mmCIF file of all heavy atoms, coordinates in Angstrom:
data_MODEL
# 
_entry.id   MODEL 
# 
loop_
_atom_site.group_PDB 
_atom_site.id 
_atom_site.type_symbol 
_atom_site.label_atom_id 
_atom_site.label_alt_id 
_atom_site.label_comp_id 
_atom_site.label_asym_id 
_atom_site.label_entity_id 
_atom_site.label_seq_id 
_atom_site.pdbx_PDB_ins_code 
_atom_site.Cartn_x 
_atom_site.Cartn_y 
_atom_site.Cartn_z 
_atom_site.occupancy 
_atom_site.B_iso_or_equiv 
_atom_site.pdbx_formal_charge 
_atom_site.auth_seq_id 
_atom_site.auth_comp_id 
_atom_site.auth_asym_id 
_atom_site.auth_atom_id 
_atom_site.pdbx_PDB_model_num 
ATOM 1   N N   . TRP A 1 1  ? 270.458 -67.483 102.572 1.00 0.00 ? 1  TRP A N   1 
ATOM 2   C CA  . TRP A 1 1  ? 270.539 -68.731 103.311 1.00 0.00 ? 1  TRP A CA  1 
ATOM 3   C C   . TRP A 1 1  ? 269.526 -68.778 104.467 1.00 0.00 ? 1  TRP A C   1 
ATOM 4   O O   . TRP A 1 1  ? 269.842 -69.188 105.579 1.00 0.00 ? 1  TRP A O   1 
ATOM 5   C CB  . TRP A 1 1  ? 271.961 -68.962 103.828 1.00 0.00 ? 1  TRP A CB  1 
ATOM 6   C CG  . TRP A 1 1  ? 272.958 -68.955 102.714 1.00 0.00 ? 1  TRP A CG  1 
ATOM 7   C CD1 . TRP A 1 1  ? 273.138 -69.905 101.754 1.00 0.00 ? 1  TRP A CD1 1 
ATOM 8   C CD2 . TRP A 1 1  ? 273.886 -67.919 102.400 1.00 0.00 ? 1  TRP A CD2 1 
ATOM 9   N NE1 . TRP A 1 1  ? 274.103 -69.536 100.873 1.00 0.00 ? 1  TRP A NE1 1 
ATOM 10  C CE2 . TRP A 1 1  ? 274.601 -68.316 101.255 1.00 0.00 ? 1  TRP A CE2 1 
ATOM 11  C CE3 . TRP A 1 1  ? 274.193 -66.705 102.986 1.00 0.00 ? 1  TRP A CE3 1 
ATOM 12  C CZ2 . TRP A 1 1  ? 275.594 -67.534 100.667 1.00 0.00 ? 1  TRP A CZ2 1 
ATOM 13  C CZ3 . TRP A 1 1  ? 275.171 -65.926 102.407 1.00 0.00 ? 1  TRP A CZ3 1 
ATOM 14  C CH2 . TRP A 1 1  ? 275.865 -66.342 101.271 1.00 0.00 ? 1  TRP A CH2 1 
ATOM 15  N N   . GLY A 1 2  ? 268.301 -68.312 104.175 1.00 0.00 ? 2  GLY A N   1 
ATOM 16  C CA  . GLY A 1 2  ? 267.224 -68.437 105.141 1.00 0.00 ? 2  GLY A CA  1 
ATOM 17  C C   . GLY A 1 2  ? 267.126 -67.329 106.168 1.00 0.00 ? 2  GLY A C   1 
ATOM 18  O O   . GLY A 1 2  ? 266.292 -67.409 107.080 1.00 0.00 ? 2  GLY A O   1 
ATOM 19  N N   . PHE A 1 3  ? 267.948 -66.266 106.063 1.00 0.00 ? 3  PHE A N   1 
ATOM 20  C CA  . PHE A 1 3  ? 267.859 -65.182 107.042 1.00 0.00 ? 3  PHE A CA  1 
ATOM 21  C C   . PHE A 1 3  ? 266.495 -64.511 106.938 1.00 0.00 ? 3  PHE A C   1 
ATOM 22  O O   . PHE A 1 3  ? 266.077 -64.087 105.859 1.00 0.00 ? 3  PHE A O   1 
ATOM 23  C CB  . PHE A 1 3  ? 268.956 -64.147 106.814 1.00 0.00 ? 3  PHE A CB  1 
ATOM 24  C CG  . PHE A 1 3  ? 268.876 -62.959 107.750 1.00 0.00 ? 3  PHE A CG  1 
ATOM 25  C CD1 . PHE A 1 3  ? 269.233 -63.082 109.079 1.00 0.00 ? 3  PHE A CD1 1 
ATOM 26  C CD2 . PHE A 1 3  ? 268.439 -61.724 107.281 1.00 0.00 ? 3  PHE A CD2 1 
ATOM 27  C CE1 . PHE A 1 3  ? 269.152 -61.980 109.933 1.00 0.00 ? 3  PHE A CE1 1 
ATOM 28  C CE2 . PHE A 1 3  ? 268.358 -60.630 108.124 1.00 0.00 ? 3  PHE A CE2 1 
ATOM 29  C CZ  . PHE A 1 3  ? 268.728 -60.765 109.458 1.00 0.00 ? 3  PHE A CZ  1 
ATOM 30  N N   . ASP A 1 4  ? 265.788 -64.394 108.080 1.00 0.00 ? 4  ASP A N   1 
ATOM 31  C CA  . ASP A 1 4  ? 264.457 -63.794 108.151 1.00 0.00 ? 4  ASP A CA  1 
ATOM 32  C C   . ASP A 1 4  ? 264.587 -62.445 108.843 1.00 0.00 ? 4  ASP A C   1 
ATOM 33  O O   . ASP A 1 4  ? 264.631 -62.361 110.069 1.00 0.00 ? 4  ASP A O   1 
ATOM 34  C CB  . ASP A 1 4  ? 263.509 -64.716 108.924 1.00 0.00 ? 4  ASP A CB  1 
ATOM 35  C CG  . ASP A 1 4  ? 262.073 -64.200 108.947 1.00 0.00 ? 4  ASP A CG  1 
ATOM 36  O OD1 . ASP A 1 4  ? 261.824 -63.137 108.357 1.00 0.00 ? 4  ASP A OD1 1 
ATOM 37  O OD2 . ASP A 1 4  ? 261.216 -64.864 109.549 1.00 0.00 ? 4  ASP A OD2 1 
ATOM 38  N N   . GLY A 1 5  ? 264.677 -61.388 108.057 1.00 0.00 ? 5  GLY A N   1 
ATOM 39  C CA  . GLY A 1 5  ? 264.965 -60.074 108.604 1.00 0.00 ? 5  GLY A CA  1 
ATOM 40  C C   . GLY A 1 5  ? 263.728 -59.279 108.966 1.00 0.00 ? 5  GLY A C   1 
ATOM 41  O O   . GLY A 1 5  ? 262.640 -59.479 108.425 1.00 0.00 ? 5  GLY A O   1 
ATOM 42  N N   . VAL A 1 6  ? 263.897 -58.363 109.930 1.00 0.00 ? 6  VAL A N   1 
ATOM 43  C CA  . VAL A 1 6  ? 262.890 -57.372 110.293 1.00 0.00 ? 6  VAL A CA  1 
ATOM 44  C C   . VAL A 1 6  ? 263.519 -56.004 110.034 1.00 0.00 ? 6  VAL A C   1 
ATOM 45  O O   . VAL A 1 6  ? 264.661 -55.748 110.438 1.00 0.00 ? 6  VAL A O   1 
ATOM 46  C CB  . VAL A 1 6  ? 262.469 -57.495 111.770 1.00 0.00 ? 6  VAL A CB  1 
ATOM 47  C CG1 . VAL A 1 6  ? 261.407 -56.451 112.103 1.00 0.00 ? 6  VAL A CG1 1 
ATOM 48  C CG2 . VAL A 1 6  ? 261.941 -58.893 112.060 1.00 0.00 ? 6  VAL A CG2 1 
ATOM 49  N N   . LEU A 1 7  ? 262.789 -55.127 109.368 1.00 0.00 ? 7  LEU A N   1 
ATOM 50  C CA  . LEU A 1 7  ? 263.307 -53.833 108.919 1.00 0.00 ? 7  LEU A CA  1 
ATOM 51  C C   . LEU A 1 7  ? 262.557 -52.704 109.605 1.00 0.00 ? 7  LEU A C   1 
ATOM 52  O O   . LEU A 1 7  ? 261.328 -52.727 109.685 1.00 0.00 ? 7  LEU A O   1 
ATOM 53  C CB  . LEU A 1 7  ? 263.152 -53.730 107.396 1.00 0.00 ? 7  LEU A CB  1 
ATOM 54  C CG  . LEU A 1 7  ? 263.400 -52.369 106.740 1.00 0.00 ? 7  LEU A CG  1 
ATOM 55  C CD1 . LEU A 1 7  ? 264.843 -51.926 106.925 1.00 0.00 ? 7  LEU A CD1 1 
ATOM 56  C CD2 . LEU A 1 7  ? 263.034 -52.446 105.257 1.00 0.00 ? 7  LEU A CD2 1 
ATOM 57  N N   . GLU A 1 8  ? 263.304 -51.705 110.096 1.00 0.00 ? 8  GLU A N   1 
ATOM 58  C CA  . GLU A 1 8  ? 262.699 -50.521 110.702 1.00 0.00 ? 8  GLU A CA  1 
ATOM 59  C C   . GLU A 1 8  ? 263.336 -49.268 110.129 1.00 0.00 ? 8  GLU A C   1 
ATOM 60  O O   . GLU A 1 8  ? 264.524 -49.259 109.782 1.00 0.00 ? 8  GLU A O   1 
ATOM 61  C CB  . GLU A 1 8  ? 262.892 -50.513 112.222 1.00 0.00 ? 8  GLU A CB  1 
ATOM 62  C CG  . GLU A 1 8  ? 262.201 -51.635 112.956 1.00 0.00 ? 8  GLU A CG  1 
ATOM 63  C CD  . GLU A 1 8  ? 262.444 -51.595 114.448 1.00 0.00 ? 8  GLU A CD  1 
ATOM 64  O OE1 . GLU A 1 8  ? 263.310 -50.802 114.902 1.00 0.00 ? 8  GLU A OE1 1 
ATOM 65  O OE2 . GLU A 1 8  ? 261.773 -52.351 115.161 1.00 0.00 ? 8  GLU A OE2 1 
ATOM 66  N N   . ILE A 1 9  ? 262.557 -48.197 110.042 1.00 0.00 ? 9  ILE A N   1 
ATOM 67  C CA  . ILE A 1 9  ? 263.090 -46.872 109.755 1.00 0.00 ? 9  ILE A CA  1 
ATOM 68  C C   . ILE A 1 9  ? 262.754 -45.985 110.941 1.00 0.00 ? 9  ILE A C   1 
ATOM 69  O O   . ILE A 1 9  ? 261.600 -45.929 111.383 1.00 0.00 ? 9  ILE A O   1 
ATOM 70  C CB  . ILE A 1 9  ? 262.522 -46.297 108.431 1.00 0.00 ? 9  ILE A CB  1 
ATOM 71  C CG1 . ILE A 1 9  ? 263.082 -44.913 108.157 1.00 0.00 ? 9  ILE A CG1 1 
ATOM 72  C CG2 . ILE A 1 9  ? 261.015 -46.310 108.420 1.00 0.00 ? 9  ILE A CG2 1 
ATOM 73  C CD1 . ILE A 1 9  ? 264.544 -44.901 107.788 1.00 0.00 ? 9  ILE A CD1 1 
ATOM 74  N N   . VAL A 1 10 ? 263.780 -45.320 111.496 1.00 0.00 ? 10 VAL A N   1 
ATOM 75  C CA  . VAL A 1 10 ? 263.647 -44.552 112.735 1.00 0.00 ? 10 VAL A CA  1 
ATOM 76  C C   . VAL A 1 10 ? 263.893 -43.079 112.433 1.00 0.00 ? 10 VAL A C   1 
ATOM 77  O O   . VAL A 1 10 ? 264.875 -42.721 111.762 1.00 0.00 ? 10 VAL A O   1 
ATOM 78  C CB  . VAL A 1 10 ? 264.650 -45.049 113.792 1.00 0.00 ? 10 VAL A CB  1 
ATOM 79  C CG1 . VAL A 1 10 ? 264.451 -44.299 115.106 1.00 0.00 ? 10 VAL A CG1 1 
ATOM 80  C CG2 . VAL A 1 10 ? 264.492 -46.552 114.011 1.00 0.00 ? 10 VAL A CG2 1 
ATOM 81  N N   . ALA A 1 11 ? 263.007 -42.212 112.924 1.00 0.00 ? 11 ALA A N   1 
ATOM 82  C CA  . ALA A 1 11 ? 263.109 -40.774 112.707 1.00 0.00 ? 11 ALA A CA  1 
ATOM 83  C C   . ALA A 1 11 ? 264.260 -40.188 113.525 1.00 0.00 ? 11 ALA A C   1 
ATOM 84  O O   . ALA A 1 11 ? 264.753 -40.819 114.466 1.00 0.00 ? 11 ALA A O   1 
ATOM 85  C CB  . ALA A 1 11 ? 261.796 -40.099 113.079 1.00 0.00 ? 11 ALA A CB  1 
ATOM 86  N N   . PRO A 1 12 ? 264.698 -38.964 113.188 1.00 0.00 ? 12 PRO A N   1 
ATOM 87  C CA  . PRO A 1 12 ? 265.782 -38.329 113.954 1.00 0.00 ? 12 PRO A CA  1 
ATOM 88  C C   . PRO A 1 12 ? 265.501 -38.252 115.451 1.00 0.00 ? 12 PRO A C   1 
ATOM 89  O O   . PRO A 1 12 ? 266.421 -38.311 116.265 1.00 0.00 ? 12 PRO A O   1 
ATOM 90  C CB  . PRO A 1 12 ? 265.877 -36.935 113.320 1.00 0.00 ? 12 PRO A CB  1 
ATOM 91  C CG  . PRO A 1 12 ? 265.386 -37.122 111.921 1.00 0.00 ? 12 PRO A CG  1 
ATOM 92  C CD  . PRO A 1 12 ? 264.307 -38.155 112.015 1.00 0.00 ? 12 PRO A CD  1 
ATOM 93  N N   . GLY A 1 13 ? 264.238 -38.133 115.841 1.00 0.00 ? 13 GLY A N   1 
ATOM 94  C CA  . GLY A 1 13 ? 263.890 -38.059 117.254 1.00 0.00 ? 13 GLY A CA  1 
ATOM 95  C C   . GLY A 1 13 ? 263.798 -39.397 117.955 1.00 0.00 ? 13 GLY A C   1 
ATOM 96  O O   . GLY A 1 13 ? 263.515 -39.459 119.144 1.00 0.00 ? 13 GLY A O   1 
ATOM 97  N N   . GLY A 1 14 ? 263.997 -40.502 117.221 1.00 0.00 ? 14 GLY A N   1 
ATOM 98  C CA  . GLY A 1 14 ? 263.968 -41.829 117.823 1.00 0.00 ? 14 GLY A CA  1 
ATOM 99  C C   . GLY A 1 14 ? 262.672 -42.586 117.631 1.00 0.00 ? 14 GLY A C   1 
ATOM 100 O O   . GLY A 1 14 ? 262.560 -43.745 118.038 1.00 0.00 ? 14 GLY A O   1 
ATOM 101 N N   . GLN A 1 15 ? 261.664 -41.977 117.002 1.00 0.00 ? 15 GLN A N   1 
ATOM 102 C CA  . GLN A 1 15 ? 260.390 -42.651 116.779 1.00 0.00 ? 15 GLN A CA  1 
ATOM 103 C C   . GLN A 1 15 ? 260.519 -43.658 115.644 1.00 0.00 ? 15 GLN A C   1 
ATOM 104 O O   . GLN A 1 15 ? 261.054 -43.351 114.582 1.00 0.00 ? 15 GLN A O   1 
ATOM 105 C CB  . GLN A 1 15 ? 259.303 -41.642 116.435 1.00 0.00 ? 15 GLN A CB  1 
ATOM 106 C CG  . GLN A 1 15 ? 257.947 -42.272 116.111 1.00 0.00 ? 15 GLN A CG  1 
ATOM 107 C CD  . GLN A 1 15 ? 256.976 -41.290 115.519 1.00 0.00 ? 15 GLN A CD  1 
ATOM 108 O OE1 . GLN A 1 15 ? 257.349 -40.157 115.205 1.00 0.00 ? 15 GLN A OE1 1 
ATOM 109 N NE2 . GLN A 1 15 ? 255.742 -41.707 115.351 1.00 0.00 ? 15 GLN A NE2 1 
ATOM 110 N N   . VAL A 1 16 ? 260.021 -44.879 115.869 1.00 0.00 ? 16 VAL A N   1 
ATOM 111 C CA  . VAL A 1 16 ? 260.000 -45.881 114.814 1.00 0.00 ? 16 VAL A CA  1 
ATOM 112 C C   . VAL A 1 16 ? 258.839 -45.551 113.872 1.00 0.00 ? 16 VAL A C   1 
ATOM 113 O O   . VAL A 1 16 ? 257.672 -45.637 114.249 1.00 0.00 ? 16 VAL A O   1 
ATOM 114 C CB  . VAL A 1 16 ? 259.839 -47.305 115.378 1.00 0.00 ? 16 VAL A CB  1 
ATOM 115 C CG1 . VAL A 1 16 ? 259.750 -48.329 114.248 1.00 0.00 ? 16 VAL A CG1 1 
ATOM 116 C CG2 . VAL A 1 16 ? 261.006 -47.652 116.292 1.00 0.00 ? 16 VAL A CG2 1 
ATOM 117 N N   . LEU A 1 17 ? 259.154 -45.169 112.636 1.00 0.00 ? 17 LEU A N   1 
ATOM 118 C CA  . LEU A 1 17 ? 258.125 -44.772 111.676 1.00 0.00 ? 17 LEU A CA  1 
ATOM 119 C C   . LEU A 1 17 ? 257.451 -45.976 111.035 1.00 0.00 ? 17 LEU A C   1 
ATOM 120 O O   . LEU A 1 17 ? 256.246 -45.963 110.785 1.00 0.00 ? 17 LEU A O   1 
ATOM 121 C CB  . LEU A 1 17 ? 258.737 -43.884 110.588 1.00 0.00 ? 17 LEU A CB  1 
ATOM 122 C CG  . LEU A 1 17 ? 259.384 -42.588 111.077 1.00 0.00 ? 17 LEU A CG  1 
ATOM 123 C CD1 . LEU A 1 17 ? 259.991 -41.828 109.914 1.00 0.00 ? 17 LEU A CD1 1 
ATOM 124 C CD2 . LEU A 1 17 ? 258.363 -41.723 111.804 1.00 0.00 ? 17 LEU A CD2 1 
ATOM 125 N N   . GLN A 1 18 ? 258.254 -46.998 110.725 1.00 0.00 ? 18 GLN A N   1 
ATOM 126 C CA  . GLN A 1 18 ? 257.706 -48.223 110.149 1.00 0.00 ? 18 GLN A CA  1 
ATOM 127 C C   . GLN A 1 18 ? 258.518 -49.409 110.648 1.00 0.00 ? 18 GLN A C   1 
ATOM 128 O O   . GLN A 1 18 ? 259.734 -49.302 110.840 1.00 0.00 ? 18 GLN A O   1 
ATOM 129 C CB  . GLN A 1 18 ? 257.762 -48.221 108.617 1.00 0.00 ? 18 GLN A CB  1 
ATOM 130 C CG  . GLN A 1 18 ? 256.799 -47.309 107.920 1.00 0.00 ? 18 GLN A CG  1 
ATOM 131 C CD  . GLN A 1 18 ? 256.668 -47.660 106.444 1.00 0.00 ? 18 GLN A CD  1 
ATOM 132 O OE1 . GLN A 1 18 ? 256.272 -48.771 106.076 1.00 0.00 ? 18 GLN A OE1 1 
ATOM 133 N NE2 . GLN A 1 18 ? 256.997 -46.705 105.587 1.00 0.00 ? 18 GLN A NE2 1 
ATOM 134 N N   . ARG A 1 19 ? 257.837 -50.508 110.867 1.00 0.00 ? 19 ARG A N   1 
ATOM 135 C CA  . ARG A 1 19 ? 258.496 -51.796 111.121 1.00 0.00 ? 19 ARG A CA  1 
ATOM 136 C C   . ARG A 1 19 ? 257.853 -52.812 110.193 1.00 0.00 ? 19 ARG A C   1 
ATOM 137 O O   . ARG A 1 19 ? 256.637 -52.952 110.164 1.00 0.00 ? 19 ARG A O   1 
ATOM 138 C CB  . ARG A 1 19 ? 258.333 -52.226 112.575 1.00 0.00 ? 19 ARG A CB  1 
ATOM 139 C CG  . ARG A 1 19 ? 258.938 -53.603 112.861 1.00 0.00 ? 19 ARG A CG  1 
ATOM 140 C CD  . ARG A 1 19 ? 258.727 -54.040 114.298 1.00 0.00 ? 19 ARG A CD  1 
ATOM 141 N NE  . ARG A 1 19 ? 259.498 -53.228 115.218 1.00 0.00 ? 19 ARG A NE  1 
ATOM 142 C CZ  . ARG A 1 19 ? 258.963 -52.479 116.178 1.00 0.00 ? 19 ARG A CZ  1 
ATOM 143 N NH1 . ARG A 1 19 ? 257.646 -52.443 116.325 1.00 0.00 ? 19 ARG A NH1 1 
ATOM 144 N NH2 . ARG A 1 19 ? 259.720 -51.765 116.991 1.00 0.00 ? 19 ARG A NH2 1 
ATOM 145 N N   . VAL A 1 20 ? 258.662 -53.512 109.390 1.00 0.00 ? 20 VAL A N   1 
ATOM 146 C CA  . VAL A 1 20 ? 258.142 -54.410 108.371 1.00 0.00 ? 20 VAL A CA  1 
ATOM 147 C C   . VAL A 1 20 ? 258.791 -55.778 108.525 1.00 0.00 ? 20 VAL A C   1 
ATOM 148 O O   . VAL A 1 20 ? 260.006 -55.888 108.708 1.00 0.00 ? 20 VAL A O   1 
ATOM 149 C CB  . VAL A 1 20 ? 258.415 -53.862 106.946 1.00 0.00 ? 20 VAL A CB  1 
ATOM 150 C CG1 . VAL A 1 20 ? 257.750 -54.747 105.907 1.00 0.00 ? 20 VAL A CG1 1 
ATOM 151 C CG2 . VAL A 1 20 ? 257.923 -52.434 106.818 1.00 0.00 ? 20 VAL A CG2 1 
ATOM 152 N N   . ASP A 1 21 ? 257.959 -56.803 108.432 1.00 0.00 ? 21 ASP A N   1 
ATOM 153 C CA  . ASP A 1 21 ? 258.446 -58.184 108.476 1.00 0.00 ? 21 ASP A CA  1 
ATOM 154 C C   . ASP A 1 21 ? 257.593 -59.022 107.536 1.00 0.00 ? 21 ASP A C   1 
ATOM 155 O O   . ASP A 1 21 ? 256.365 -58.901 107.531 1.00 0.00 ? 21 ASP A O   1 
ATOM 156 C CB  . ASP A 1 21 ? 258.349 -58.723 109.908 1.00 0.00 ? 21 ASP A CB  1 
ATOM 157 C CG  . ASP A 1 21 ? 258.806 -60.167 110.034 1.00 0.00 ? 21 ASP A CG  1 
ATOM 158 O OD1 . ASP A 1 21 ? 259.593 -60.604 109.184 1.00 0.00 ? 21 ASP A OD1 1 
ATOM 159 O OD2 . ASP A 1 21 ? 258.387 -60.844 110.975 1.00 0.00 ? 21 ASP A OD2 1 
ATOM 160 N N   . ASP A 1 22 ? 258.215 -59.846 106.725 1.00 0.00 ? 22 ASP A N   1 
ATOM 161 C CA  . ASP A 1 22 ? 257.507 -60.806 105.868 1.00 0.00 ? 22 ASP A CA  1 
ATOM 162 C C   . ASP A 1 22 ? 256.539 -60.129 104.909 1.00 0.00 ? 22 ASP A C   1 
ATOM 163 O O   . ASP A 1 22 ? 255.398 -60.544 104.747 1.00 0.00 ? 22 ASP A O   1 
ATOM 164 C CB  . ASP A 1 22 ? 256.736 -61.820 106.713 1.00 0.00 ? 22 ASP A CB  1 
ATOM 165 C CG  . ASP A 1 22 ? 257.654 -62.712 107.525 1.00 0.00 ? 22 ASP A CG  1 
ATOM 166 O OD1 . ASP A 1 22 ? 258.878 -62.610 107.348 1.00 0.00 ? 22 ASP A OD1 1 
ATOM 167 O OD2 . ASP A 1 22 ? 257.157 -63.498 108.326 1.00 0.00 ? 22 ASP A OD2 1 
ATOM 168 N N   . ILE A 1 23 ? 256.973 -59.087 104.235 1.00 0.00 ? 23 ILE A N   1 
ATOM 169 C CA  . ILE A 1 23 ? 256.123 -58.431 103.245 1.00 0.00 ? 23 ILE A CA  1 
ATOM 170 C C   . ILE A 1 23 ? 256.698 -58.709 101.866 1.00 0.00 ? 23 ILE A C   1 
ATOM 171 O O   . ILE A 1 23 ? 257.833 -58.348 101.566 1.00 0.00 ? 23 ILE A O   1 
ATOM 172 C CB  . ILE A 1 23 ? 256.064 -56.911 103.473 1.00 0.00 ? 23 ILE A CB  1 
ATOM 173 C CG1 . ILE A 1 23 ? 255.498 -56.618 104.864 1.00 0.00 ? 23 ILE A CG1 1 
ATOM 174 C CG2 . ILE A 1 23 ? 255.228 -56.237 102.406 1.00 0.00 ? 23 ILE A CG2 1 
ATOM 175 C CD1 . ILE A 1 23 ? 254.076 -57.083 105.044 1.00 0.00 ? 23 ILE A CD1 1 
ATOM 176 N N   . GLY A 1 24 ? 255.912 -59.373 101.038 1.00 0.00 ? 24 GLY A N   1 
ATOM 177 C CA  . GLY A 1 24 ? 256.367 -59.705 99.691  1.00 0.00 ? 24 GLY A CA  1 
ATOM 178 C C   . GLY A 1 24 ? 256.186 -58.539 98.748  1.00 0.00 ? 24 GLY A C   1 
ATOM 179 O O   . GLY A 1 24 ? 255.770 -57.449 99.130  1.00 0.00 ? 24 GLY A O   1 
ATOM 180 N N   . PHE A 1 25 ? 256.483 -58.749 97.486  1.00 0.00 ? 25 PHE A N   1 
ATOM 181 C CA  . PHE A 1 25 ? 256.357 -57.715 96.470  1.00 0.00 ? 25 PHE A CA  1 
ATOM 182 C C   . PHE A 1 25 ? 255.275 -58.140 95.492  1.00 0.00 ? 25 PHE A C   1 
ATOM 183 O O   . PHE A 1 25 ? 255.316 -59.230 94.928  1.00 0.00 ? 25 PHE A O   1 
ATOM 184 C CB  . PHE A 1 25 ? 257.687 -57.522 95.730  1.00 0.00 ? 25 PHE A CB  1 
ATOM 185 C CG  . PHE A 1 25 ? 257.644 -56.436 94.696  1.00 0.00 ? 25 PHE A CG  1 
ATOM 186 C CD1 . PHE A 1 25 ? 257.632 -55.108 95.090  1.00 0.00 ? 25 PHE A CD1 1 
ATOM 187 C CD2 . PHE A 1 25 ? 257.584 -56.743 93.354  1.00 0.00 ? 25 PHE A CD2 1 
ATOM 188 C CE1 . PHE A 1 25 ? 257.580 -54.108 94.141  1.00 0.00 ? 25 PHE A CE1 1 
ATOM 189 C CE2 . PHE A 1 25 ? 257.538 -55.740 92.407  1.00 0.00 ? 25 PHE A CE2 1 
ATOM 190 C CZ  . PHE A 1 25 ? 257.537 -54.417 92.791  1.00 0.00 ? 25 PHE A CZ  1 
ATOM 191 N N   . GLY A 1 26 ? 254.266 -57.278 95.290  1.00 0.00 ? 26 GLY A N   1 
ATOM 192 C CA  . GLY A 1 26 ? 253.162 -57.637 94.415  1.00 0.00 ? 26 GLY A CA  1 
ATOM 193 C C   . GLY A 1 26 ? 252.393 -58.806 94.995  1.00 0.00 ? 26 GLY A C   1 
ATOM 194 O O   . GLY A 1 26 ? 251.966 -58.798 96.131  1.00 0.00 ? 26 GLY A O   1 
ATOM 195 N N   . GLU A 1 27 ? 252.219 -59.852 94.190  1.00 0.00 ? 27 GLU A N   1 
ATOM 196 C CA  . GLU A 1 27 ? 251.485 -61.025 94.628  1.00 0.00 ? 27 GLU A CA  1 
ATOM 197 C C   . GLU A 1 27 ? 252.408 -62.106 95.181  1.00 0.00 ? 27 GLU A C   1 
ATOM 198 O O   . GLU A 1 27 ? 251.962 -63.197 95.529  1.00 0.00 ? 27 GLU A O   1 
ATOM 199 C CB  . GLU A 1 27 ? 250.663 -61.591 93.465  1.00 0.00 ? 27 GLU A CB  1 
ATOM 200 C CG  . GLU A 1 27 ? 249.590 -60.620 92.958  1.00 0.00 ? 27 GLU A CG  1 
ATOM 201 C CD  . GLU A 1 27 ? 248.778 -61.205 91.831  1.00 0.00 ? 27 GLU A CD  1 
ATOM 202 O OE1 . GLU A 1 27 ? 249.143 -62.320 91.381  1.00 0.00 ? 27 GLU A OE1 1 
ATOM 203 O OE2 . GLU A 1 27 ? 247.813 -60.566 91.404  1.00 0.00 ? 27 GLU A OE2 1 
ATOM 204 N N   . THR A 1 28 ? 253.709 -61.822 95.251  1.00 0.00 ? 28 THR A N   1 
ATOM 205 C CA  . THR A 1 28 ? 254.658 -62.821 95.737  1.00 0.00 ? 28 THR A CA  1 
ATOM 206 C C   . THR A 1 28 ? 254.891 -62.627 97.223  1.00 0.00 ? 28 THR A C   1 
ATOM 207 O O   . THR A 1 28 ? 255.342 -61.579 97.649  1.00 0.00 ? 28 THR A O   1 
ATOM 208 C CB  . THR A 1 28 ? 256.004 -62.687 94.992  1.00 0.00 ? 28 THR A CB  1 
ATOM 209 O OG1 . THR A 1 28 ? 255.761 -62.831 93.609  1.00 0.00 ? 28 THR A OG1 1 
ATOM 210 C CG2 . THR A 1 28 ? 256.977 -63.756 95.453  1.00 0.00 ? 28 THR A CG2 1 
ATOM 211 N N   . PHE A 1 29 ? 254.600 -63.639 98.029  1.00 0.00 ? 29 PHE A N   1 
ATOM 212 C CA  . PHE A 1 29 ? 254.793 -63.540 99.470  1.00 0.00 ? 29 PHE A CA  1 
ATOM 213 C C   . PHE A 1 29 ? 256.123 -64.180 99.837  1.00 0.00 ? 29 PHE A C   1 
ATOM 214 O O   . PHE A 1 29 ? 256.403 -65.308 99.452  1.00 0.00 ? 29 PHE A O   1 
ATOM 215 C CB  . PHE A 1 29 ? 253.666 -64.248 100.226 1.00 0.00 ? 29 PHE A CB  1 
ATOM 216 C CG  . PHE A 1 29 ? 253.774 -64.079 101.698 1.00 0.00 ? 29 PHE A CG  1 
ATOM 217 C CD1 . PHE A 1 29 ? 253.291 -62.946 102.313 1.00 0.00 ? 29 PHE A CD1 1 
ATOM 218 C CD2 . PHE A 1 29 ? 254.408 -65.041 102.472 1.00 0.00 ? 29 PHE A CD2 1 
ATOM 219 C CE1 . PHE A 1 29 ? 253.402 -62.778 103.675 1.00 0.00 ? 29 PHE A CE1 1 
ATOM 220 C CE2 . PHE A 1 29 ? 254.530 -64.870 103.842 1.00 0.00 ? 29 PHE A CE2 1 
ATOM 221 C CZ  . PHE A 1 29 ? 254.020 -63.737 104.434 1.00 0.00 ? 29 PHE A CZ  1 
ATOM 222 N N   . ASP A 1 30 ? 256.955 -63.461 100.554 1.00 0.00 ? 30 ASP A N   1 
ATOM 223 C CA  . ASP A 1 30 ? 258.217 -64.018 101.012 1.00 0.00 ? 30 ASP A CA  1 
ATOM 224 C C   . ASP A 1 30 ? 258.571 -63.394 102.348 1.00 0.00 ? 30 ASP A C   1 
ATOM 225 O O   . ASP A 1 30 ? 257.810 -62.595 102.895 1.00 0.00 ? 30 ASP A O   1 
ATOM 226 C CB  . ASP A 1 30 ? 259.339 -63.837 99.987  1.00 0.00 ? 30 ASP A CB  1 
ATOM 227 C CG  . ASP A 1 30 ? 259.586 -62.372 99.637  1.00 0.00 ? 30 ASP A CG  1 
ATOM 228 O OD1 . ASP A 1 30 ? 259.576 -61.544 100.566 1.00 0.00 ? 30 ASP A OD1 1 
ATOM 229 O OD2 . ASP A 1 30 ? 259.808 -62.060 98.463  1.00 0.00 ? 30 ASP A OD2 1 
ATOM 230 N N   . ILE A 1 31 ? 259.735 -63.766 102.890 1.00 0.00 ? 31 ILE A N   1 
ATOM 231 C CA  . ILE A 1 31 ? 260.119 -63.288 104.217 1.00 0.00 ? 31 ILE A CA  1 
ATOM 232 C C   . ILE A 1 31 ? 261.025 -62.071 104.151 1.00 0.00 ? 31 ILE A C   1 
ATOM 233 O O   . ILE A 1 31 ? 261.546 -61.641 105.175 1.00 0.00 ? 31 ILE A O   1 
ATOM 234 C CB  . ILE A 1 31 ? 260.818 -64.413 105.022 1.00 0.00 ? 31 ILE A CB  1 
ATOM 235 C CG1 . ILE A 1 31 ? 262.120 -64.853 104.326 1.00 0.00 ? 31 ILE A CG1 1 
ATOM 236 C CG2 . ILE A 1 31 ? 259.881 -65.586 105.221 1.00 0.00 ? 31 ILE A CG2 1 
ATOM 237 C CD1 . ILE A 1 31 ? 262.922 -65.857 105.134 1.00 0.00 ? 31 ILE A CD1 1 
# 
């Protein structure tokens, strides 16, 4: 229903390893 999420993976020490927003799969762009 239109939720636009931001995803993070955080290491055991608290460091943000990746932050991803609006990345589609293959050639399909989505939020």
